Amino acid sequence: MKDGKCVMPDVTFTTFFMALNSSALYHLGVLADPATGQPQKDLLLAKHTIDTMSMLQAKTAGNLSREEMDLVETTLYDLKMRFVKARS
């Protein structure tokens, strides 16, 4: 907050990708619903978000910095492992 207003981060590939990551974690039940404080699991929405992130990985191949590529790879690996575990 600055001067009573919410300060939004710059829109970058990293902030966009991490917003998708937060959405996937929310749907996997890792992040609690801010209104209730309780986790909400929706594996269909989690899979859709992970699939969207995978599509972005494919579409941006060759156009990302090494740091961005590492972020994409490690984030997607983590989410896919969490998804498999959540389905069990």
Protein backbone atom coordinates (compact mmCIF):
# COMPACT_ATOMS: atom_id res chain seq x y z
CA MET A 1 0.00 0.00 0.00
CA LYS A 2 1.21 3.46 -0.86
CA ASP A 3 -0.79 6.53 0.02
CA GLY A 4 -3.72 4.27 0.87
CA LYS A 5 -3.72 2.62 -2.55
CA CYS A 6 -2.74 -0.88 -3.54
CA VAL A 7 0.54 -0.94 -5.45
CA MET A 8 0.58 -3.54 -8.19
CA PRO A 9 3.82 -5.12 -9.37
CA ASP A 10 5.02 -4.46 -12.90
CA VAL A 11 3.51 -6.82 -15.45
CA THR A 12 6.29 -9.15 -16.49
CA PHE A 13 6.38 -12.73 -17.67
CA THR A 14 7.56 -13.76 -14.21
CA THR A 15 4.76 -11.99 -12.32
CA PHE A 16 2.17 -13.35 -14.76
CA PHE A 17 3.50 -16.89 -14.46
CA MET A 18 3.64 -16.68 -10.68
CA ALA A 19 0.03 -15.45 -10.60
CA LEU A 20 -0.93 -18.60 -12.51
CA ASN A 21 1.12 -20.61 -10.03
CA SER A 22 -0.82 -19.07 -7.14
CA SER A 23 -4.08 -19.93 -8.87
CA ALA A 24 -3.00 -23.54 -9.35
CA LEU A 25 -1.87 -23.82 -5.72
CA TYR A 26 -5.22 -22.41 -4.60
CA HIS A 27 -7.12 -24.98 -6.66
CA LEU A 28 -4.88 -27.75 -5.35
CA GLY A 29 -5.90 -26.75 -1.83
CA VAL A 30 -2.40 -25.59 -0.87
CA LEU A 31 -3.44 -21.95 -0.40
CA ALA A 32 -6.45 -21.24 1.77
CA ASP A 33 -9.47 -19.28 0.58
CA PRO A 34 -8.89 -15.75 1.92
CA ALA A 35 -12.59 -15.34 2.74
CA THR A 36 -12.95 -18.53 4.78
CA GLY A 37 -9.39 -19.41 5.73
CA GLN A 38 -10.13 -22.94 4.54
CA PRO A 39 -8.46 -24.72 1.63
CA GLN A 40 -10.65 -25.41 -1.38
CA LYS A 41 -9.76 -28.22 -3.77
CA ASP A 42 -10.86 -28.20 -7.40
CA LEU A 43 -8.64 -30.56 -9.36
CA LEU A 44 -10.34 -29.77 -12.67
CA LEU A 45 -9.43 -26.08 -12.34
CA ALA A 46 -5.95 -26.98 -11.06
CA LYS A 47 -5.36 -29.16 -14.13
CA HIS A 48 -6.66 -26.44 -16.44
CA THR A 49 -4.28 -23.89 -14.93
CA ILE A 50 -1.33 -26.31 -15.12
CA ASP A 51 -2.21 -27.09 -18.75
CA THR A 52 -2.35 -23.35 -19.49
CA MET A 53 1.09 -22.91 -17.95
CA SER A 54 2.42 -25.84 -20.01
CA MET A 55 1.02 -24.24 -23.16
CA LEU A 56 2.81 -21.00 -22.27
CA GLN A 57 6.02 -22.96 -21.79
CA ALA A 58 5.70 -24.42 -25.29
CA LYS A 59 4.71 -21.12 -26.92
CA THR A 60 7.53 -19.13 -25.31
CA ALA A 61 10.28 -21.71 -25.97
CA GLY A 62 13.39 -19.93 -27.18
CA ASN A 63 12.10 -16.51 -26.12
CA LEU A 64 12.77 -16.59 -22.37
CA SER A 65 15.85 -15.73 -20.37
CA ARG A 66 17.65 -18.57 -18.59
CA GLU A 67 16.12 -17.42 -15.27
CA GLU A 68 12.62 -17.40 -16.75
CA MET A 69 13.12 -20.87 -18.28
CA ASP A 70 14.33 -22.21 -14.93
CA LEU A 71 11.31 -20.67 -13.19
CA VAL A 72 8.91 -22.24 -15.69
CA GLU A 73 10.52 -25.67 -15.49
CA THR A 74 10.78 -25.85 -11.71
CA THR A 75 7.33 -24.36 -11.12
CA LEU A 76 5.62 -26.74 -13.54
CA TYR A 77 7.47 -29.74 -12.13
CA ASP A 78 6.37 -28.81 -8.60
CA LEU A 79 2.76 -28.26 -9.64
CA LYS A 80 2.58 -31.52 -11.59
CA MET A 81 3.94 -33.47 -8.61
CA ARG A 82 1.46 -31.77 -6.28
CA PHE A 83 -1.37 -32.57 -8.72
CA VAL A 84 -0.42 -36.26 -8.84
CA LYS A 85 -0.29 -36.36 -5.04
CA ALA A 86 -3.66 -34.55 -4.74
CA ARG A 87 -5.30 -37.14 -7.01
CA SER A 88 -4.20 -40.02 -4.77
